[in-house]
Amino acid sequence: MITADQLRAARALAGLDQKALAEKAGVSLPTIQRMEASSGNVRGVVDTLTKIINALDAAGVELIGENMPSYGKGRGVRLKTPKTASD
């Protein structure tokens, strides 16, 4: 699964605005907006999610699942649970 935070970060890393990602993925702008505005895991039609992931991959962004290794080359960032004051 991909989270809304992960989708926004991936789009930013690719240097794409929402409209450009929608065009590259072949989906509507409101679809991207809705997915990025959601909380937690992005929900949608599997075909739509696949198109978005493929567009981000073509733009050079590797999406990494939770607790999964990265096999790509190059620099990157990874989301993690932030530490709290009690940690």
PDB file of N, CA and C in Angstrom:
ATOM      1  N   MET A   1       0.831  -1.179   0.000  1.00  0.00           N
ATOM      2  CA  MET A   1       0.000   0.000   0.000  1.00  0.00           C
ATOM      3  C   MET A   1       0.880   1.248   0.000  1.00  0.00           C
ATOM      4  N   ILE A   2       0.336   2.307  -0.508  1.00  0.00           N
ATOM      5  CA  ILE A   2       1.011   3.606  -0.518  1.00  0.00           C
ATOM      6  C   ILE A   2       0.188   4.565   0.335  1.00  0.00           C
ATOM      7  N   THR A   3       0.871   5.365   1.123  1.00  0.00           N
ATOM      8  CA  THR A   3       0.166   6.325   1.967  1.00  0.00           C
ATOM      9  C   THR A   3       0.092   7.673   1.252  1.00  0.00           C
ATOM     10  N   ALA A   4      -0.816   8.515   1.724  1.00  0.00           N
ATOM     11  CA  ALA A   4      -0.958   9.856   1.161  1.00  0.00           C
ATOM     12  C   ALA A   4       0.335  10.650   1.344  1.00  0.00           C
ATOM     13  N   ASP A   5       0.950  10.527   2.524  1.00  0.00           N
ATOM     14  CA  ASP A   5       2.223  11.212   2.774  1.00  0.00           C
ATOM     15  C   ASP A   5       3.293  10.738   1.801  1.00  0.00           C
ATOM     16  N   GLN A   6       3.340   9.436   1.568  1.00  0.00           N
ATOM     17  CA  GLN A   6       4.325   8.851   0.658  1.00  0.00           C
ATOM     18  C   GLN A   6       4.079   9.338  -0.773  1.00  0.00           C
ATOM     19  N   LEU A   7       2.828   9.416  -1.168  1.00  0.00           N
ATOM     20  CA  LEU A   7       2.493   9.887  -2.507  1.00  0.00           C
ATOM     21  C   LEU A   7       2.918  11.342  -2.695  1.00  0.00           C
ATOM     22  N   ARG A   8       2.620  12.193  -1.718  1.00  0.00           N
ATOM     23  CA  ARG A   8       3.018  13.601  -1.816  1.00  0.00           C
ATOM     24  C   ARG A   8       4.538  13.739  -1.868  1.00  0.00           C
ATOM     25  N   ALA A   9       5.228  12.974  -1.028  1.00  0.00           N
ATOM     26  CA  ALA A   9       6.693  13.036  -1.007  1.00  0.00           C
ATOM     27  C   ALA A   9       7.285  12.535  -2.316  1.00  0.00           C
ATOM     28  N   ALA A  10       6.752  11.457  -2.833  1.00  0.00           N
ATOM     29  CA  ALA A  10       7.252  10.901  -4.096  1.00  0.00           C
ATOM     30  C   ALA A  10       7.054  11.896  -5.233  1.00  0.00           C
ATOM     31  N   ARG A  11       5.904  12.536  -5.258  1.00  0.00           N
ATOM     32  CA  ARG A  11       5.624  13.521  -6.303  1.00  0.00           C
ATOM     33  C   ARG A  11       6.585  14.691  -6.208  1.00  0.00           C
ATOM     34  N   ALA A  12       6.851  15.133  -4.974  1.00  0.00           N
ATOM     35  CA  ALA A  12       7.784  16.245  -4.765  1.00  0.00           C
ATOM     36  C   ALA A  12       9.197  15.854  -5.205  1.00  0.00           C
ATOM     37  N   LEU A  13       9.623  14.633  -4.857  1.00  0.00           N
ATOM     38  CA  LEU A  13      10.955  14.175  -5.272  1.00  0.00           C
ATOM     39  C   LEU A  13      11.085  14.135  -6.791  1.00  0.00           C
ATOM     40  N   ALA A  14       9.996  13.799  -7.457  1.00  0.00           N
ATOM     41  CA  ALA A  14      10.004  13.740  -8.919  1.00  0.00           C
ATOM     42  C   ALA A  14       9.912  15.131  -9.544  1.00  0.00           C
ATOM     43  N   GLY A  15       9.647  16.140  -8.721  1.00  0.00           N
ATOM     44  CA  GLY A  15       9.531  17.500  -9.240  1.00  0.00           C
ATOM     45  C   GLY A  15       8.270  17.719 -10.058  1.00  0.00           C
ATOM     46  N   LEU A  16       7.211  17.000  -9.686  1.00  0.00           N
ATOM     47  CA  LEU A  16       5.951  17.098 -10.420  1.00  0.00           C
ATOM     48  C   LEU A  16       4.891  17.770  -9.567  1.00  0.00           C
ATOM     49  N   ASP A  17       4.087  18.615 -10.191  1.00  0.00           N
ATOM     50  CA  ASP A  17       2.920  19.107  -9.474  1.00  0.00           C
ATOM     51  C   ASP A  17       1.800  18.085  -9.686  1.00  0.00           C
ATOM     52  N   GLN A  18       0.677  18.285  -9.030  1.00  0.00           N
ATOM     53  CA  GLN A  18      -0.405  17.312  -9.117  1.00  0.00           C
ATOM     54  C   GLN A  18      -0.900  17.137 -10.545  1.00  0.00           C
ATOM     55  N   LYS A  19      -1.007  18.225 -11.279  1.00  0.00           N
ATOM     56  CA  LYS A  19      -1.499  18.160 -12.658  1.00  0.00           C
ATOM     57  C   LYS A  19      -0.546  17.355 -13.536  1.00  0.00           C
ATOM     58  N   ALA A  20       0.754  17.585 -13.383  1.00  0.00           N
ATOM     59  CA  ALA A  20       1.737  16.858 -14.201  1.00  0.00           C
ATOM     60  C   ALA A  20       1.708  15.364 -13.895  1.00  0.00           C
ATOM     61  N   LEU A  21       1.588  15.002 -12.614  1.00  0.00           N
ATOM     62  CA  LEU A  21       1.512  13.582 -12.264  1.00  0.00           C
ATOM     63  C   LEU A  21       0.249  12.959 -12.850  1.00  0.00           C
ATOM     64  N   ALA A  22      -0.853  13.661 -12.754  1.00  0.00           N
ATOM     65  CA  ALA A  22      -2.102  13.151 -13.322  1.00  0.00           C
ATOM     66  C   ALA A  22      -1.954  12.894 -14.817  1.00  0.00           C
ATOM     67  N   GLU A  23      -1.323  13.828 -15.524  1.00  0.00           N
ATOM     68  CA  GLU A  23      -1.131  13.662 -16.967  1.00  0.00           C
ATOM     69  C   GLU A  23      -0.213  12.488 -17.272  1.00  0.00           C
ATOM     70  N   LYS A  24       0.901  12.381 -16.539  1.00  0.00           N
ATOM     71  CA  LYS A  24       1.844  11.284 -16.776  1.00  0.00           C
ATOM     72  C   LYS A  24       1.224   9.926 -16.460  1.00  0.00           C
ATOM     73  N   ALA A  25       0.348   9.888 -15.463  1.00  0.00           N
ATOM     74  CA  ALA A  25      -0.274   8.630 -15.063  1.00  0.00           C
ATOM     75  C   ALA A  25      -1.529   8.309 -15.872  1.00  0.00           C
ATOM     76  N   GLY A  26      -2.058   9.307 -16.565  1.00  0.00           N
ATOM     77  CA  GLY A  26      -3.282   9.090 -17.330  1.00  0.00           C
ATOM     78  C   GLY A  26      -4.516   8.989 -16.438  1.00  0.00           C
ATOM     79  N   VAL A  27      -4.496   9.761 -15.351  1.00  0.00           N
ATOM     80  CA  VAL A  27      -5.653   9.813 -14.448  1.00  0.00           C
ATOM     81  C   VAL A  27      -6.076  11.264 -14.302  1.00  0.00           C
ATOM     82  N   SER A  28      -7.204  11.489 -13.662  1.00  0.00           N
ATOM     83  CA  SER A  28      -7.695  12.862 -13.524  1.00  0.00           C
ATOM     84  C   SER A  28      -6.999  13.591 -12.377  1.00  0.00           C
ATOM     85  N   LEU A  29      -6.939  14.902 -12.488  1.00  0.00           N
ATOM     86  CA  LEU A  29      -6.381  15.737 -11.423  1.00  0.00           C
ATOM     87  C   LEU A  29      -7.150  15.549 -10.113  1.00  0.00           C
ATOM     88  N   PRO A  30      -8.498  15.528 -10.128  1.00  0.00           N
ATOM     89  CA  PRO A  30      -9.216  15.300  -8.873  1.00  0.00           C
ATOM     90  C   PRO A  30      -8.860  13.961  -8.198  1.00  0.00           C
ATOM     91  N   THR A  31      -8.484  12.966  -8.988  1.00  0.00           N
ATOM     92  CA  THR A  31      -8.074  11.681  -8.415  1.00  0.00           C
ATOM     93  C   THR A  31      -6.808  11.849  -7.600  1.00  0.00           C
ATOM     94  N   ILE A  32      -5.818  12.550  -8.149  1.00  0.00           N
ATOM     95  CA  ILE A  32      -4.565  12.801  -7.425  1.00  0.00           C
ATOM     96  C   ILE A  32      -4.849  13.632  -6.180  1.00  0.00           C
ATOM     97  N   GLN A  33      -5.660  14.660  -6.322  1.00  0.00           N
ATOM     98  CA  GLN A  33      -5.992  15.533  -5.190  1.00  0.00           C
ATOM     99  C   GLN A  33      -6.674  14.747  -4.075  1.00  0.00           C
ATOM    100  N   ARG A  34      -7.616  13.893  -4.436  1.00  0.00           N
ATOM    101  CA  ARG A  34      -8.337  13.091  -3.445  1.00  0.00           C
ATOM    102  C   ARG A  34      -7.388  12.133  -2.735  1.00  0.00           C
ATOM    103  N   MET A  35      -6.523  11.477  -3.500  1.00  0.00           N
ATOM    104  CA  MET A  35      -5.587  10.523  -2.904  1.00  0.00           C
ATOM    105  C   MET A  35      -4.625  11.216  -1.941  1.00  0.00           C
ATOM    106  N   GLU A  36      -4.119  12.374  -2.329  1.00  0.00           N
ATOM    107  CA  GLU A  36      -3.171  13.089  -1.477  1.00  0.00           C
ATOM    108  C   GLU A  36      -3.836  13.703  -0.250  1.00  0.00           C
ATOM    109  N   ALA A  37      -5.133  13.948  -0.305  1.00  0.00           N
ATOM    110  CA  ALA A  37      -5.848  14.535   0.821  1.00  0.00           C
ATOM    111  C   ALA A  37      -6.329  13.482   1.821  1.00  0.00           C
ATOM    112  N   SER A  38      -6.231  12.228   1.445  1.00  0.00           N
ATOM    113  CA  SER A  38      -6.710  11.166   2.337  1.00  0.00           C
ATOM    114  C   SER A  38      -5.762  10.993   3.515  1.00  0.00           C
ATOM    115  N   SER A  39      -6.227  10.284   4.516  1.00  0.00           N
ATOM    116  CA  SER A  39      -5.363   9.990   5.662  1.00  0.00           C
ATOM    117  C   SER A  39      -5.012   8.508   5.627  1.00  0.00           C
ATOM    118  N   GLY A  40      -3.788   8.206   5.974  1.00  0.00           N
ATOM    119  CA  GLY A  40      -3.352   6.809   5.975  1.00  0.00           C
ATOM    120  C   GLY A  40      -3.135   6.289   4.574  1.00  0.00           C
ATOM    121  N   ASN A  41      -3.457   5.009   4.376  1.00  0.00           N
ATOM    122  CA  ASN A  41      -3.254   4.385   3.070  1.00  0.00           C
ATOM    123  C   ASN A  41      -4.199   4.973   2.034  1.00  0.00           C
ATOM    124  N   VAL A  42      -3.667   5.189   0.839  1.00  0.00           N
ATOM    125  CA  VAL A  42      -4.468   5.700  -0.274  1.00  0.00           C
ATOM    126  C   VAL A  42      -5.380   4.582  -0.748  1.00  0.00           C
ATOM    127  N   ARG A  43      -6.636   4.911  -0.935  1.00  0.00           N
ATOM    128  CA  ARG A  43      -7.586   3.934  -1.452  1.00  0.00           C
ATOM    129  C   ARG A  43      -7.979   4.332  -2.859  1.00  0.00           C
ATOM    130  N   GLY A  44      -8.175   3.350  -3.681  1.00  0.00           N
ATOM    131  CA  GLY A  44      -8.582   3.619  -5.050  1.00  0.00           C
ATOM    132  C   GLY A  44      -8.596   2.337  -5.854  1.00  0.00           C
ATOM    133  N   VAL A  45      -8.950   2.453  -7.091  1.00  0.00           N
ATOM    134  CA  VAL A  45      -8.964   1.320  -8.003  1.00  0.00           C
ATOM    135  C   VAL A  45      -7.519   0.869  -8.225  1.00  0.00           C
ATOM    136  N   VAL A  46      -7.282  -0.432  -8.188  1.00  0.00           N
ATOM    137  CA  VAL A  46      -5.934  -0.973  -8.326  1.00  0.00           C
ATOM    138  C   VAL A  46      -5.283  -0.486  -9.618  1.00  0.00           C
ATOM    139  N   ASP A  47      -6.032  -0.429 -10.704  1.00  0.00           N
ATOM    140  CA  ASP A  47      -5.487   0.026 -11.984  1.00  0.00           C
ATOM    141  C   ASP A  47      -5.008   1.473 -11.888  1.00  0.00           C
ATOM    142  N   THR A  48      -5.745   2.307 -11.191  1.00  0.00           N
ATOM    143  CA  THR A  48      -5.374   3.716 -11.018  1.00  0.00           C
ATOM    144  C   THR A  48      -4.104   3.836 -10.186  1.00  0.00           C
ATOM    145  N   LEU A  49      -4.040   3.096  -9.079  1.00  0.00           N
ATOM    146  CA  LEU A  49      -2.841   3.114  -8.232  1.00  0.00           C
ATOM    147  C   LEU A  49      -1.625   2.626  -9.015  1.00  0.00           C
ATOM    148  N   THR A  50      -1.809   1.600  -9.818  1.00  0.00           N
ATOM    149  CA  THR A  50      -0.713   1.069 -10.633  1.00  0.00           C
ATOM    150  C   THR A  50      -0.218   2.110 -11.620  1.00  0.00           C
ATOM    151  N   LYS A  51      -1.121   2.834 -12.250  1.00  0.00           N
ATOM    152  CA  LYS A  51      -0.732   3.885 -13.196  1.00  0.00           C
ATOM    153  C   LYS A  51       0.096   4.968 -12.503  1.00  0.00           C
ATOM    154  N   ILE A  52      -0.314   5.353 -11.306  1.00  0.00           N
ATOM    155  CA  ILE A  52       0.399   6.396 -10.567  1.00  0.00           C
ATOM    156  C   ILE A  52       1.775   5.910 -10.143  1.00  0.00           C
ATOM    157  N   ILE A  53       1.840   4.707  -9.619  1.00  0.00           N
ATOM    158  CA  ILE A  53       3.123   4.135  -9.211  1.00  0.00           C
ATOM    159  C   ILE A  53       4.061   3.996 -10.401  1.00  0.00           C
ATOM    160  N   ASN A  54       3.543   3.561 -11.541  1.00  0.00           N
ATOM    161  CA  ASN A  54       4.370   3.432 -12.747  1.00  0.00           C
ATOM    162  C   ASN A  54       4.864   4.784 -13.237  1.00  0.00           C
ATOM    163  N   ALA A  55       4.028   5.808 -13.149  1.00  0.00           N
ATOM    164  CA  ALA A  55       4.443   7.152 -13.563  1.00  0.00           C
ATOM    165  C   ALA A  55       5.551   7.678 -12.654  1.00  0.00           C
ATOM    166  N   LEU A  56       5.431   7.434 -11.364  1.00  0.00           N
ATOM    167  CA  LEU A  56       6.473   7.864 -10.425  1.00  0.00           C
ATOM    168  C   LEU A  56       7.761   7.075 -10.651  1.00  0.00           C
ATOM    169  N   ASP A  57       7.633   5.784 -10.923  1.00  0.00           N
ATOM    170  CA  ASP A  57       8.798   4.959 -11.215  1.00  0.00           C
ATOM    171  C   ASP A  57       9.512   5.466 -12.473  1.00  0.00           C
ATOM    172  N   ALA A  58       8.748   5.787 -13.502  1.00  0.00           N
ATOM    173  CA  ALA A  58       9.335   6.313 -14.745  1.00  0.00           C
ATOM    174  C   ALA A  58      10.028   7.652 -14.508  1.00  0.00           C
ATOM    175  N   ALA A  59       9.563   8.387 -13.489  1.00  0.00           N
ATOM    176  CA  ALA A  59      10.176   9.675 -13.155  1.00  0.00           C
ATOM    177  C   ALA A  59      11.397   9.498 -12.247  1.00  0.00           C
ATOM    178  N   GLY A  60      11.701   8.237 -11.885  1.00  0.00           N
ATOM    179  CA  GLY A  60      12.897   7.966 -11.101  1.00  0.00           C
ATOM    180  C   GLY A  60      12.685   7.850  -9.608  1.00  0.00           C
ATOM    181  N   VAL A  61      11.445   7.635  -9.175  1.00  0.00           N
ATOM    182  CA  VAL A  61      11.151   7.529  -7.747  1.00  0.00           C
ATOM    183  C   VAL A  61      10.786   6.086  -7.418  1.00  0.00           C
ATOM    184  N   GLU A  62      11.502   5.520  -6.447  1.00  0.00           N
ATOM    185  CA  GLU A  62      11.216   4.168  -5.976  1.00  0.00           C
ATOM    186  C   GLU A  62      10.341   4.274  -4.736  1.00  0.00           C
ATOM    187  N   LEU A  63       9.183   3.636  -4.770  1.00  0.00           N
ATOM    188  CA  LEU A  63       8.303   3.593  -3.607  1.00  0.00           C
ATOM    189  C   LEU A  63       8.657   2.354  -2.799  1.00  0.00           C
ATOM    190  N   ILE A  64       8.915   2.547  -1.511  1.00  0.00           N
ATOM    191  CA  ILE A  64       9.368   1.466  -0.644  1.00  0.00           C
ATOM    192  C   ILE A  64       8.284   1.176   0.378  1.00  0.00           C
ATOM    193  N   GLY A  65       7.869  -0.066   0.454  1.00  0.00           N
ATOM    194  CA  GLY A  65       6.867  -0.460   1.432  1.00  0.00           C
ATOM    195  C   GLY A  65       7.467  -0.522   2.831  1.00  0.00           C
ATOM    196  N   GLU A  66       6.590  -0.483   3.816  1.00  0.00           N
ATOM    197  CA  GLU A  66       7.030  -0.538   5.210  1.00  0.00           C
ATOM    198  C   GLU A  66       7.821  -1.814   5.475  1.00  0.00           C
ATOM    199  N   ASN A  67       8.956  -1.644   6.129  1.00  0.00           N
ATOM    200  CA  ASN A  67       9.856  -2.749   6.488  1.00  0.00           C
ATOM    201  C   ASN A  67      10.395  -3.505   5.280  1.00  0.00           C
ATOM    202  N   MET A  68      10.399  -2.874   4.127  1.00  0.00           N
ATOM    203  CA  MET A  68      10.914  -3.501   2.908  1.00  0.00           C
ATOM    204  C   MET A  68      12.255  -2.875   2.553  1.00  0.00           C
ATOM    205  N   PRO A  69      13.170  -3.683   2.005  1.00  0.00           N
ATOM    206  CA  PRO A  69      14.459  -3.125   1.591  1.00  0.00           C
ATOM    207  C   PRO A  69      14.328  -2.342   0.282  1.00  0.00           C
ATOM    208  N   SER A  70      15.276  -1.491   0.046  1.00  0.00           N
ATOM    209  CA  SER A  70      15.342  -0.753  -1.212  1.00  0.00           C
ATOM    210  C   SER A  70      16.412  -1.391  -2.079  1.00  0.00           C
ATOM    211  N   TYR A  71      16.073  -1.691  -3.312  1.00  0.00           N
ATOM    212  CA  TYR A  71      17.027  -2.300  -4.225  1.00  0.00           C
ATOM    213  C   TYR A  71      17.515  -1.314  -5.278  1.00  0.00           C
ATOM    214  N   GLY A  72      17.008  -0.093  -5.222  1.00  0.00           N
ATOM    215  CA  GLY A  72      17.406   0.917  -6.192  1.00  0.00           C
ATOM    216  C   GLY A  72      18.783   1.468  -5.899  1.00  0.00           C
ATOM    217  N   LYS A  73      19.295   2.181  -6.860  1.00  0.00           N
ATOM    218  CA  LYS A  73      20.571   2.859  -6.680  1.00  0.00           C
ATOM    219  C   LYS A  73      20.304   4.347  -6.597  1.00  0.00           C
ATOM    220  N   GLY A  74      21.189   5.054  -5.959  1.00  0.00           N
ATOM    221  CA  GLY A  74      21.028   6.493  -5.844  1.00  0.00           C
ATOM    222  C   GLY A  74      20.584   6.885  -4.450  1.00  0.00           C
ATOM    223  N   ARG A  75      20.485   8.166  -4.275  1.00  0.00           N
ATOM    224  CA  ARG A  75      20.099   8.702  -2.973  1.00  0.00           C
ATOM    225  C   ARG A  75      18.593   8.698  -2.833  1.00  0.00           C
ATOM    226  N   GLY A  76      18.148   8.806  -1.619  1.00  0.00           N
ATOM    227  CA  GLY A  76      16.710   8.844  -1.398  1.00  0.00           C
ATOM    228  C   GLY A  76      16.375   9.161   0.036  1.00  0.00           C
ATOM    229  N   VAL A  77      15.115   9.123   0.312  1.00  0.00           N
ATOM    230  CA  VAL A  77      14.628   9.341   1.669  1.00  0.00           C
ATOM    231  C   VAL A  77      13.652   8.223   1.999  1.00  0.00           C
ATOM    232  N   ARG A  78      13.447   8.032   3.276  1.00  0.00           N
ATOM    233  CA  ARG A  78      12.510   7.006   3.718  1.00  0.00           C
ATOM    234  C   ARG A  78      11.696   7.568   4.877  1.00  0.00           C
ATOM    235  N   LEU A  79      10.384   7.387   4.848  1.00  0.00           N
ATOM    236  CA  LEU A  79       9.520   7.827   5.928  1.00  0.00           C
ATOM    237  C   LEU A  79       9.644   6.870   7.106  1.00  0.00           C
ATOM    238  N   LYS A  80       9.611   7.409   8.297  1.00  0.00           N
ATOM    239  CA  LYS A  80       9.595   6.572   9.491  1.00  0.00           C
ATOM    240  C   LYS A  80       8.701   7.240  10.524  1.00  0.00           C
ATOM    241  N   THR A  81       8.362   6.513  11.542  1.00  0.00           N
ATOM    242  CA  THR A  81       7.550   7.070  12.608  1.00  0.00           C
ATOM    243  C   THR A  81       8.411   8.054  13.398  1.00  0.00           C
ATOM    244  N   PRO A  82       7.968   9.294  13.531  1.00  0.00           N
ATOM    245  CA  PRO A  82       8.772  10.270  14.258  1.00  0.00           C
ATOM    246  C   PRO A  82       8.863   9.929  15.748  1.00  0.00           C
ATOM    247  N   LYS A  83       9.981  10.299  16.341  1.00  0.00           N
ATOM    248  CA  LYS A  83      10.157  10.100  17.779  1.00  0.00           C
ATOM    249  C   LYS A  83       9.325  11.127  18.520  1.00  0.00           C
ATOM    250  N   THR A  84       8.839  10.722  19.673  1.00  0.00           N
ATOM    251  CA  THR A  84       8.089  11.636  20.517  1.00  0.00           C
ATOM    252  C   THR A  84       8.938  12.011  21.725  1.00  0.00           C
ATOM    253  N   ALA A  85       8.507  12.969  22.487  1.00  0.00           N
ATOM    254  CA  ALA A  85       9.260  13.421  23.651  1.00  0.00           C
ATOM    255  C   ALA A  85       9.437  12.299  24.665  1.00  0.00           C
ATOM    256  N   SER A  86       8.538  11.326  24.676  1.00  0.00           N
ATOM    257  CA  SER A  86       8.635  10.227  25.648  1.00  0.00           C
ATOM    258  C   SER A  86       9.563   9.110  25.193  1.00  0.00           C
ATOM    259  N   ASP A  87      10.055   9.174  23.971  1.00  0.00           N
ATOM    260  CA  ASP A  87      10.943   8.110  23.443  1.00  0.00           C
ATOM    261  C   ASP A  87      12.343   8.232  23.978  1.00  0.00           C
TER     262      ASP A  87
END
